[in-house]
């Protein structure tokens, strides 16, 4: 009869250890997702901070392209003021579109294209775009690990117990899915 007591104590101990393990694992994975989102935010902020310098460089050469500069300024303001994830990415897409227009203008102005400041800003923006792509990938990888933990057995039992559910991946917009048109 005495061994039943030890068996019950052992089962309770295993359950407590599993509760602690899965709680900590879910918290760590959730924190990793928050960190990945924060890293995306940092890169978007860096890109947003470079835009006034790029605009100032280009404005001197293309004064009649006022609408493009206004679009870029509006997109940057939307990025700075965005509070939600969706709003940040919509603003980011608008900035990407406006930057494409700025770089298209540069093609029409060989002197601007050869300008050292413009070339440096263009390289910095290219580097930041690469970092944004990497951090988005890391964010989605973090979501994958988290979602696997909260949907696979036995993690799903503990996730339900802790009130945790799957999280959404970052999605690219429909315009980003379109083929790039290259003209020679």
N, C-alpha and C. Protein backbone atom coordinates (compact mmCIF):
# COMPACT_ATOMS: atom_id res chain seq x y z
N UNK A 1 0.83 -1.19 0.00
CA UNK A 1 0.00 0.00 0.00
C UNK A 1 0.87 1.26 0.00
N UNK A 2 2.03 1.16 0.58
CA UNK A 2 2.93 2.29 0.70
C UNK A 2 3.48 2.73 -0.66
N UNK A 3 3.66 1.81 -1.60
CA UNK A 3 4.21 2.13 -2.91
C UNK A 3 3.24 2.97 -3.74
N UNK A 4 1.94 2.88 -3.50
CA UNK A 4 0.95 3.70 -4.20
C UNK A 4 1.15 5.18 -3.90
N UNK A 5 1.48 5.46 -2.69
CA UNK A 5 1.72 6.86 -2.30
C UNK A 5 2.91 7.42 -3.07
N UNK A 6 3.98 6.62 -3.18
CA UNK A 6 5.16 7.07 -3.92
C UNK A 6 4.86 7.21 -5.42
N UNK A 7 4.04 6.35 -5.94
CA UNK A 7 3.65 6.43 -7.34
C UNK A 7 2.86 7.72 -7.61
N UNK A 8 1.94 8.04 -6.73
CA UNK A 8 1.14 9.26 -6.87
C UNK A 8 2.03 10.50 -6.76
N UNK A 9 2.97 10.48 -5.82
CA UNK A 9 3.91 11.60 -5.66
C UNK A 9 4.77 11.75 -6.91
N UNK A 10 5.23 10.62 -7.47
CA UNK A 10 6.06 10.66 -8.68
C UNK A 10 5.27 11.22 -9.87
N UNK A 11 4.02 10.81 -10.02
CA UNK A 11 3.18 11.31 -11.11
C UNK A 11 2.95 12.80 -10.96
N UNK A 12 2.66 13.24 -9.76
CA UNK A 12 2.45 14.68 -9.51
C UNK A 12 3.74 15.45 -9.80
N UNK A 13 4.88 14.90 -9.41
CA UNK A 13 6.16 15.57 -9.66
C UNK A 13 6.42 15.69 -11.16
N UNK A 14 6.14 14.64 -11.92
CA UNK A 14 6.33 14.68 -13.36
C UNK A 14 5.41 15.74 -13.99
N UNK A 15 4.18 15.78 -13.55
CA UNK A 15 3.23 16.77 -14.08
C UNK A 15 3.70 18.18 -13.76
N UNK A 16 4.17 18.42 -12.56
CA UNK A 16 4.66 19.75 -12.16
C UNK A 16 5.88 20.14 -13.01
N UNK A 17 6.81 19.19 -13.20
CA UNK A 17 7.99 19.47 -14.02
C UNK A 17 7.59 19.79 -15.45
N UNK A 18 6.65 19.04 -16.02
CA UNK A 18 6.17 19.31 -17.37
C UNK A 18 5.48 20.66 -17.46
N UNK A 19 4.68 21.00 -16.46
CA UNK A 19 4.03 22.32 -16.44
C UNK A 19 5.07 23.43 -16.47
N UNK A 20 6.06 23.32 -15.64
CA UNK A 20 7.11 24.34 -15.57
C UNK A 20 7.87 24.40 -16.90
N UNK A 21 8.23 23.24 -17.44
CA UNK A 21 8.99 23.18 -18.68
C UNK A 21 8.21 23.83 -19.82
N UNK A 22 6.96 23.44 -20.01
CA UNK A 22 6.19 23.98 -21.13
C UNK A 22 5.83 25.45 -20.93
N UNK A 23 5.57 25.84 -19.72
CA UNK A 23 5.30 27.26 -19.47
C UNK A 23 6.52 28.09 -19.86
N UNK A 24 7.69 27.68 -19.38
CA UNK A 24 8.91 28.42 -19.70
C UNK A 24 9.22 28.39 -21.19
N UNK A 25 9.01 27.25 -21.83
CA UNK A 25 9.28 27.13 -23.26
C UNK A 25 8.37 28.06 -24.06
N UNK A 26 7.10 28.11 -23.73
CA UNK A 26 6.16 28.96 -24.44
C UNK A 26 6.49 30.44 -24.21
N UNK A 27 6.87 30.79 -23.00
CA UNK A 27 7.25 32.18 -22.71
C UNK A 27 8.50 32.57 -23.48
N UNK A 28 9.50 31.70 -23.52
CA UNK A 28 10.74 32.00 -24.25
C UNK A 28 10.44 32.17 -25.74
N UNK A 29 9.64 31.29 -26.30
CA UNK A 29 9.31 31.40 -27.72
C UNK A 29 8.50 32.66 -28.02
N UNK A 30 7.58 33.00 -27.14
CA UNK A 30 6.80 34.21 -27.31
C UNK A 30 7.71 35.45 -27.23
N UNK A 31 8.66 35.43 -26.31
CA UNK A 31 9.61 36.53 -26.20
C UNK A 31 10.49 36.63 -27.44
N UNK A 32 10.85 35.49 -28.02
CA UNK A 32 11.65 35.49 -29.25
C UNK A 32 10.87 36.15 -30.39
N UNK A 33 9.58 35.89 -30.44
CA UNK A 33 8.73 36.51 -31.47
C UNK A 33 8.67 38.02 -31.25
N UNK A 34 8.49 38.43 -30.00
CA UNK A 34 8.46 39.87 -29.70
C UNK A 34 9.79 40.53 -30.08
N UNK A 35 10.88 39.85 -29.79
CA UNK A 35 12.20 40.38 -30.13
C UNK A 35 12.36 40.48 -31.65
N UNK A 36 11.93 39.46 -32.37
CA UNK A 36 12.03 39.49 -33.83
C UNK A 36 11.22 40.64 -34.40
N UNK A 37 10.03 40.87 -33.87
CA UNK A 37 9.23 41.99 -34.34
C UNK A 37 9.93 43.31 -34.03
N UNK A 38 10.53 43.39 -32.87
CA UNK A 38 11.25 44.60 -32.49
C UNK A 38 12.42 44.85 -33.44
N UNK A 39 13.09 43.79 -33.86
CA UNK A 39 14.21 43.93 -34.80
C UNK A 39 13.72 44.45 -36.15
N UNK A 40 12.56 43.97 -36.58
CA UNK A 40 11.97 44.49 -37.82
C UNK A 40 11.70 45.98 -37.66
N UNK A 41 11.13 46.33 -36.52
CA UNK A 41 10.81 47.73 -36.23
C UNK A 41 12.07 48.61 -36.27
N UNK A 42 13.17 48.10 -35.73
CA UNK A 42 14.43 48.85 -35.73
C UNK A 42 14.89 49.10 -37.16
N UNK A 43 14.83 48.08 -38.01
CA UNK A 43 15.27 48.25 -39.40
C UNK A 43 14.35 49.21 -40.16
N UNK A 44 13.05 49.11 -39.90
CA UNK A 44 12.11 50.03 -40.56
C UNK A 44 12.38 51.46 -40.12
N UNK A 45 12.72 51.66 -38.87
CA UNK A 45 13.05 52.99 -38.35
C UNK A 45 14.33 53.52 -39.00
N UNK A 46 15.34 52.66 -39.14
CA UNK A 46 16.58 53.08 -39.79
C UNK A 46 16.31 53.52 -41.22
N UNK A 47 15.48 52.74 -41.92
CA UNK A 47 15.15 53.09 -43.30
C UNK A 47 14.41 54.42 -43.33
N UNK A 48 13.48 54.58 -42.41
CA UNK A 48 12.71 55.82 -42.34
C UNK A 48 13.61 57.02 -42.06
N UNK A 49 14.63 56.83 -41.24
CA UNK A 49 15.55 57.92 -40.92
C UNK A 49 16.45 58.30 -42.10
N UNK A 50 16.72 57.37 -43.00
CA UNK A 50 17.55 57.67 -44.16
C UNK A 50 16.79 58.44 -45.24
N UNK A 51 15.49 58.32 -45.24
CA UNK A 51 14.68 58.90 -46.31
C UNK A 51 14.86 60.42 -46.45
N UNK A 52 14.84 61.21 -45.38
CA UNK A 52 15.02 62.67 -45.57
C UNK A 52 16.35 63.01 -46.26
N UNK A 53 17.42 62.27 -45.94
CA UNK A 53 18.70 62.52 -46.59
C UNK A 53 18.64 62.18 -48.08
N UNK A 54 17.99 61.09 -48.40
CA UNK A 54 17.85 60.69 -49.80
C UNK A 54 17.02 61.72 -50.56
N UNK A 55 15.93 62.14 -49.97
CA UNK A 55 15.06 63.12 -50.62
C UNK A 55 15.81 64.43 -50.84
N UNK A 56 16.56 64.87 -49.84
CA UNK A 56 17.31 66.12 -49.97
C UNK A 56 18.33 66.02 -51.10
N UNK A 57 18.97 64.88 -51.25
CA UNK A 57 19.95 64.68 -52.31
C UNK A 57 19.29 64.71 -53.69
N UNK A 58 18.16 64.04 -53.80
CA UNK A 58 17.48 63.92 -55.10
C UNK A 58 16.77 65.23 -55.47
N UNK A 59 16.23 65.94 -54.50
CA UNK A 59 15.47 67.18 -54.77
C UNK A 59 16.27 68.19 -55.56
N UNK A 60 17.54 68.28 -55.28
CA UNK A 60 18.37 69.24 -55.99
C UNK A 60 18.45 68.97 -57.48
N UNK A 61 18.27 67.73 -57.86
CA UNK A 61 18.38 67.36 -59.27
C UNK A 61 17.03 67.27 -59.97
N UNK A 62 16.01 66.97 -59.24
CA UNK A 62 14.70 66.70 -59.86
C UNK A 62 13.61 67.51 -59.18
N UNK A 63 13.70 68.81 -59.31
CA UNK A 63 12.76 69.69 -58.62
C UNK A 63 11.32 69.54 -59.12
N UNK A 64 11.13 69.12 -60.35
CA UNK A 64 9.78 69.01 -60.91
C UNK A 64 9.08 67.70 -60.53
N UNK A 65 9.72 66.83 -59.78
CA UNK A 65 9.13 65.54 -59.37
C UNK A 65 8.50 65.66 -57.98
N UNK A 66 7.80 66.74 -57.74
CA UNK A 66 7.27 67.05 -56.42
C UNK A 66 6.32 65.98 -55.87
N UNK A 67 5.47 65.41 -56.73
CA UNK A 67 4.49 64.41 -56.29
C UNK A 67 5.14 63.18 -55.67
N UNK A 68 6.25 62.75 -56.23
CA UNK A 68 6.95 61.58 -55.71
C UNK A 68 7.49 61.87 -54.32
N UNK A 69 8.02 63.07 -54.12
CA UNK A 69 8.55 63.44 -52.81
C UNK A 69 7.43 63.51 -51.77
N UNK A 70 6.28 64.02 -52.19
CA UNK A 70 5.14 64.09 -51.27
C UNK A 70 4.67 62.69 -50.88
N UNK A 71 4.61 61.79 -51.87
CA UNK A 71 4.23 60.41 -51.57
C UNK A 71 5.18 59.77 -50.57
N UNK A 72 6.47 60.00 -50.78
CA UNK A 72 7.47 59.44 -49.87
C UNK A 72 7.35 60.05 -48.48
N UNK A 73 7.13 61.35 -48.40
CA UNK A 73 6.97 62.02 -47.11
C UNK A 73 5.74 61.50 -46.38
N UNK A 74 4.64 61.33 -47.12
CA UNK A 74 3.41 60.80 -46.51
C UNK A 74 3.60 59.36 -46.02
N UNK A 75 4.28 58.55 -46.81
CA UNK A 75 4.53 57.16 -46.42
C UNK A 75 5.42 57.11 -45.19
N UNK A 76 6.42 57.98 -45.13
CA UNK A 76 7.31 58.02 -43.97
C UNK A 76 6.54 58.46 -42.73
N UNK A 77 5.68 59.45 -42.87
CA UNK A 77 4.87 59.91 -41.73
C UNK A 77 3.96 58.78 -41.25
N UNK A 78 3.40 58.03 -42.18
CA UNK A 78 2.54 56.89 -41.80
C UNK A 78 3.36 55.84 -41.05
N UNK A 79 4.60 55.62 -41.48
CA UNK A 79 5.47 54.64 -40.82
C UNK A 79 5.79 55.07 -39.40
N UNK A 80 6.15 56.32 -39.24
CA UNK A 80 6.51 56.83 -37.92
C UNK A 80 5.30 56.79 -36.97
N UNK A 81 4.12 57.06 -37.50
CA UNK A 81 2.93 57.09 -36.66
C UNK A 81 2.21 55.75 -36.51
N UNK A 82 2.67 54.72 -37.21
CA UNK A 82 1.99 53.42 -37.17
C UNK A 82 2.13 52.77 -35.80
N UNK A 83 1.03 52.25 -35.31
CA UNK A 83 1.02 51.59 -34.00
C UNK A 83 0.91 50.07 -34.11
N UNK A 84 0.17 49.60 -35.09
CA UNK A 84 -0.05 48.16 -35.21
C UNK A 84 0.90 47.55 -36.23
N UNK A 85 1.03 46.24 -36.17
CA UNK A 85 1.87 45.52 -37.11
C UNK A 85 1.40 45.72 -38.54
N UNK A 86 0.10 45.61 -38.77
CA UNK A 86 -0.44 45.80 -40.11
C UNK A 86 -0.18 47.20 -40.63
N UNK A 87 -0.37 48.20 -39.78
CA UNK A 87 -0.14 49.58 -40.20
C UNK A 87 1.32 49.81 -40.56
N UNK A 88 2.23 49.21 -39.79
CA UNK A 88 3.66 49.37 -40.07
C UNK A 88 4.01 48.75 -41.42
N UNK A 89 3.44 47.59 -41.70
CA UNK A 89 3.78 46.94 -42.96
C UNK A 89 3.11 47.59 -44.16
N UNK A 90 1.93 48.16 -43.98
CA UNK A 90 1.31 48.92 -45.07
C UNK A 90 2.14 50.16 -45.37
N UNK A 91 2.59 50.84 -44.32
CA UNK A 91 3.45 52.01 -44.51
C UNK A 91 4.78 51.61 -45.13
N UNK A 92 5.31 50.49 -44.71
CA UNK A 92 6.57 49.99 -45.27
C UNK A 92 6.43 49.71 -46.76
N UNK A 93 5.31 49.13 -47.16
CA UNK A 93 5.06 48.87 -48.58
C UNK A 93 4.96 50.17 -49.36
N UNK A 94 4.31 51.17 -48.76
CA UNK A 94 4.20 52.48 -49.42
C UNK A 94 5.57 53.12 -49.58
N UNK A 95 6.41 52.98 -48.56
CA UNK A 95 7.77 53.53 -48.65
C UNK A 95 8.55 52.80 -49.74
N UNK A 96 8.44 51.48 -49.79
CA UNK A 96 9.15 50.72 -50.82
C UNK A 96 8.73 51.17 -52.21
N UNK A 97 7.45 51.38 -52.40
CA UNK A 97 6.95 51.84 -53.69
C UNK A 97 7.49 53.23 -54.03
N UNK A 98 7.48 54.12 -53.06
CA UNK A 98 7.97 55.48 -53.29
C UNK A 98 9.48 55.48 -53.55
N UNK A 99 10.21 54.61 -52.86
CA UNK A 99 11.65 54.54 -53.08
C UNK A 99 11.96 54.04 -54.49
N UNK A 100 11.16 53.12 -54.99
CA UNK A 100 11.34 52.65 -56.36
C UNK A 100 11.20 53.82 -57.34
N UNK A 101 10.25 54.70 -57.05
CA UNK A 101 10.06 55.88 -57.90
C UNK A 101 11.27 56.81 -57.83
N UNK A 102 11.81 56.98 -56.64
CA UNK A 102 13.00 57.83 -56.47
C UNK A 102 14.17 57.25 -57.26
N UNK A 103 14.36 55.95 -57.17
CA UNK A 103 15.48 55.33 -57.89
C UNK A 103 15.23 55.36 -59.40
N UNK A 104 13.99 55.32 -59.80
CA UNK A 104 13.67 55.46 -61.23
C UNK A 104 14.03 56.87 -61.71
N UNK A 105 13.78 57.88 -60.88
CA UNK A 105 14.16 59.25 -61.22
C UNK A 105 15.68 59.32 -61.42
N UNK A 106 16.41 58.66 -60.55
CA UNK A 106 17.87 58.70 -60.62
C UNK A 106 18.38 58.18 -61.96
N UNK A 107 17.66 57.23 -62.54
CA UNK A 107 18.05 56.71 -63.85
C UNK A 107 18.02 57.80 -64.92
N UNK A 108 17.14 58.77 -64.75
CA UNK A 108 17.00 59.86 -65.72
C UNK A 108 18.01 60.98 -65.51
N UNK A 109 18.75 60.92 -64.40
CA UNK A 109 19.71 61.97 -64.07
C UNK A 109 21.08 61.34 -63.81
N UNK A 110 21.87 61.17 -64.86
CA UNK A 110 23.18 60.52 -64.69
C UNK A 110 24.08 61.22 -63.67
N UNK A 111 23.96 62.53 -63.59
CA UNK A 111 24.79 63.27 -62.62
C UNK A 111 24.39 62.87 -61.20
N UNK A 112 23.08 62.71 -60.96
CA UNK A 112 22.59 62.29 -59.65
C UNK A 112 23.05 60.86 -59.35
N UNK A 113 22.93 60.01 -60.34
CA UNK A 113 23.33 58.62 -60.17
C UNK A 113 24.80 58.51 -59.79
N UNK A 114 25.62 59.41 -60.31
CA UNK A 114 27.05 59.40 -60.04
C UNK A 114 27.39 60.12 -58.73
N UNK A 115 26.42 60.82 -58.14
CA UNK A 115 26.65 61.57 -56.91
C UNK A 115 27.02 60.60 -55.78
N UNK A 116 28.11 60.91 -55.10
CA UNK A 116 28.62 60.02 -54.05
C UNK A 116 27.62 59.87 -52.89
N UNK A 117 27.01 60.98 -52.47
CA UNK A 117 26.02 60.90 -51.38
C UNK A 117 24.84 60.03 -51.77
N UNK A 118 24.36 60.20 -53.00
CA UNK A 118 23.23 59.41 -53.46
C UNK A 118 23.60 57.93 -53.50
N UNK A 119 24.78 57.63 -54.03
CA UNK A 119 25.22 56.24 -54.12
C UNK A 119 25.34 55.62 -52.73
N UNK A 120 25.87 56.38 -51.79
CA UNK A 120 26.02 55.87 -50.42
C UNK A 120 24.65 55.63 -49.78
N UNK A 121 23.74 56.58 -49.94
CA UNK A 121 22.39 56.42 -49.39
C UNK A 121 21.68 55.23 -50.03
N UNK A 122 21.86 55.09 -51.33
CA UNK A 122 21.24 53.96 -52.03
C UNK A 122 21.79 52.64 -51.50
N UNK A 123 23.10 52.58 -51.25
CA UNK A 123 23.71 51.35 -50.71
C UNK A 123 23.21 51.08 -49.30
N UNK A 124 23.11 52.12 -48.48
CA UNK A 124 22.61 51.94 -47.11
C UNK A 124 21.17 51.43 -47.12
N UNK A 125 20.35 52.00 -48.01
CA UNK A 125 18.96 51.53 -48.11
C UNK A 125 18.90 50.09 -48.59
N UNK A 126 19.76 49.73 -49.50
CA UNK A 126 19.82 48.35 -49.99
C UNK A 126 20.20 47.41 -48.84
N UNK A 127 21.19 47.81 -48.05
CA UNK A 127 21.60 47.00 -46.90
C UNK A 127 20.45 46.85 -45.90
N UNK A 128 19.76 47.94 -45.65
CA UNK A 128 18.64 47.89 -44.70
C UNK A 128 17.52 47.00 -45.23
N UNK A 129 17.24 47.09 -46.54
CA UNK A 129 16.22 46.23 -47.13
C UNK A 129 16.58 44.75 -46.93
N UNK A 130 17.86 44.43 -47.08
CA UNK A 130 18.31 43.05 -46.86
C UNK A 130 18.10 42.64 -45.40
N UNK A 131 18.41 43.56 -44.50
CA UNK A 131 18.22 43.26 -43.07
C UNK A 131 16.74 43.11 -42.74
N UNK A 132 15.90 43.93 -43.35
CA UNK A 132 14.45 43.81 -43.13
C UNK A 132 13.98 42.43 -43.60
N UNK A 133 14.45 42.01 -44.77
CA UNK A 133 14.06 40.70 -45.29
C UNK A 133 14.52 39.59 -44.34
N UNK A 134 15.75 39.71 -43.84
CA UNK A 134 16.27 38.70 -42.91
C UNK A 134 15.46 38.68 -41.61
N UNK A 135 15.16 39.85 -41.06
CA UNK A 135 14.43 39.88 -39.79
C UNK A 135 13.00 39.40 -39.97
N UNK A 136 12.40 39.66 -41.13
CA UNK A 136 11.07 39.10 -41.40
C UNK A 136 11.13 37.58 -41.44
N UNK A 137 12.19 37.05 -42.07
CA UNK A 137 12.36 35.60 -42.13
C UNK A 137 12.54 35.04 -40.72
N UNK A 138 13.37 35.70 -39.91
CA UNK A 138 13.59 35.24 -38.54
C UNK A 138 12.28 35.29 -37.74
N UNK A 139 11.49 36.34 -37.96
CA UNK A 139 10.20 36.46 -37.29
C UNK A 139 9.32 35.25 -37.65
N UNK A 140 9.22 34.95 -38.94
CA UNK A 140 8.39 33.82 -39.36
C UNK A 140 8.95 32.49 -38.87
N UNK A 141 10.27 32.35 -38.81
CA UNK A 141 10.86 31.13 -38.25
C UNK A 141 10.52 30.99 -36.77
N UNK A 142 10.53 32.10 -36.06
CA UNK A 142 10.16 32.09 -34.64
C UNK A 142 8.69 31.72 -34.46
N UNK A 143 7.84 32.23 -35.35
CA UNK A 143 6.42 31.88 -35.32
C UNK A 143 6.25 30.37 -35.55
N UNK A 144 7.01 29.83 -36.49
CA UNK A 144 6.93 28.39 -36.80
C UNK A 144 7.24 27.55 -35.56
N UNK A 145 8.33 27.86 -34.88
CA UNK A 145 8.71 27.09 -33.69
C UNK A 145 7.64 27.23 -32.61
N UNK A 146 7.16 28.44 -32.40
CA UNK A 146 6.12 28.68 -31.40
C UNK A 146 4.85 27.90 -31.76
N UNK A 147 4.40 28.02 -33.00
CA UNK A 147 3.17 27.34 -33.42
C UNK A 147 3.32 25.83 -33.32
N UNK A 148 4.50 25.31 -33.65
CA UNK A 148 4.71 23.87 -33.49
C UNK A 148 4.59 23.46 -32.02
N UNK A 149 5.12 24.27 -31.15
CA UNK A 149 5.07 23.96 -29.72
C UNK A 149 3.63 23.97 -29.20
N UNK A 150 2.83 24.94 -29.62
CA UNK A 150 1.47 25.06 -29.07
C UNK A 150 0.45 24.20 -29.81
N UNK A 151 0.85 23.54 -30.91
CA UNK A 151 -0.11 22.70 -31.62
C UNK A 151 0.21 21.22 -31.56
N UNK A 152 1.44 20.86 -31.25
CA UNK A 152 1.81 19.45 -31.16
C UNK A 152 1.61 18.92 -29.75
N UNK A 153 1.32 17.65 -29.65
CA UNK A 153 1.13 17.00 -28.36
C UNK A 153 2.49 16.80 -27.71
N UNK A 154 2.69 17.01 -26.46
CA UNK A 154 1.76 17.42 -25.41
C UNK A 154 1.70 18.93 -25.21
N UNK A 155 2.48 19.69 -26.01
CA UNK A 155 2.51 21.15 -25.85
C UNK A 155 1.15 21.79 -25.99
N UNK A 156 0.30 21.22 -26.86
CA UNK A 156 -1.03 21.80 -27.06
C UNK A 156 -1.87 21.75 -25.79
N UNK A 157 -1.67 20.72 -24.98
CA UNK A 157 -2.41 20.63 -23.71
C UNK A 157 -2.01 21.77 -22.77
N UNK A 158 -0.70 22.00 -22.70
CA UNK A 158 -0.21 23.05 -21.81
C UNK A 158 -0.53 24.44 -22.38
N UNK A 159 -0.48 24.58 -23.69
CA UNK A 159 -0.81 25.87 -24.31
C UNK A 159 -2.26 26.24 -24.01
N UNK A 160 -3.16 25.26 -24.11
CA UNK A 160 -4.57 25.52 -23.78
C UNK A 160 -4.71 25.87 -22.31
N UNK A 161 -3.97 25.18 -21.48
CA UNK A 161 -4.01 25.45 -20.04
C UNK A 161 -3.55 26.88 -19.75
N UNK A 162 -2.54 27.36 -20.48
CA UNK A 162 -2.00 28.70 -20.27
C UNK A 162 -2.71 29.76 -21.11
N UNK A 163 -3.69 29.35 -21.92
CA UNK A 163 -4.44 30.29 -22.74
C UNK A 163 -3.65 30.82 -23.93
N UNK A 164 -2.73 30.03 -24.45
CA UNK A 164 -1.90 30.44 -25.59
C UNK A 164 -2.44 29.80 -26.86
N UNK A 165 -2.38 30.56 -27.95
CA UNK A 165 -2.86 30.07 -29.24
C UNK A 165 -1.81 30.34 -30.31
N UNK A 166 -2.04 29.81 -31.50
CA UNK A 166 -1.12 30.04 -32.61
C UNK A 166 -1.04 31.53 -32.93
N UNK A 167 0.08 31.93 -33.50
CA UNK A 167 0.28 33.31 -33.94
C UNK A 167 0.36 33.33 -35.46
N UNK A 168 0.08 34.49 -36.04
CA UNK A 168 0.07 34.63 -37.49
C UNK A 168 1.46 34.96 -38.02
N UNK A 169 1.74 34.42 -39.20
CA UNK A 169 2.97 34.73 -39.91
C UNK A 169 2.84 36.10 -40.57
N UNK A 170 3.99 36.69 -40.89
CA UNK A 170 3.99 37.90 -41.71
C UNK A 170 3.67 37.47 -43.13
N UNK A 171 2.81 38.20 -43.76
CA UNK A 171 2.43 37.90 -45.13
C UNK A 171 2.92 39.02 -46.03
N UNK A 172 3.31 38.68 -47.25
CA UNK A 172 3.68 39.73 -48.19
C UNK A 172 2.41 40.21 -48.89
N UNK A 173 2.46 41.44 -49.35
CA UNK A 173 1.28 42.02 -49.99
C UNK A 173 1.14 41.50 -51.41
N UNK A 174 -0.02 41.71 -51.97
CA UNK A 174 -0.29 41.25 -53.32
C UNK A 174 0.63 41.94 -54.33
N UNK A 175 0.95 43.22 -54.10
CA UNK A 175 1.83 43.93 -55.02
C UNK A 175 3.25 43.36 -54.99
N UNK A 176 3.68 42.88 -53.84
CA UNK A 176 5.01 42.29 -53.75
C UNK A 176 5.07 40.93 -54.45
N UNK A 177 3.92 40.29 -54.65
CA UNK A 177 3.88 38.98 -55.30
C UNK A 177 3.97 39.10 -56.83
N UNK A 178 3.71 40.29 -57.35
CA UNK A 178 3.70 40.47 -58.80
C UNK A 178 5.12 40.36 -59.36
N UNK A 179 5.20 39.88 -60.60
CA UNK A 179 6.50 39.77 -61.27
C UNK A 179 7.10 41.15 -61.49
N UNK A 180 8.40 41.23 -61.35
CA UNK A 180 9.11 42.48 -61.59
C UNK A 180 9.30 42.61 -63.10
N UNK A 181 8.99 43.78 -63.62
CA UNK A 181 9.12 44.02 -65.05
C UNK A 181 10.50 44.65 -65.30
N UNK A 182 11.32 43.93 -66.04
CA UNK A 182 12.66 44.40 -66.35
C UNK A 182 12.69 44.84 -67.81
N UNK A 183 13.16 46.07 -68.02
CA UNK A 183 13.26 46.59 -69.39
C UNK A 183 14.69 46.97 -69.67
N UNK A 184 15.13 46.65 -70.89
CA UNK A 184 16.48 47.01 -71.29
C UNK A 184 16.43 48.08 -72.36
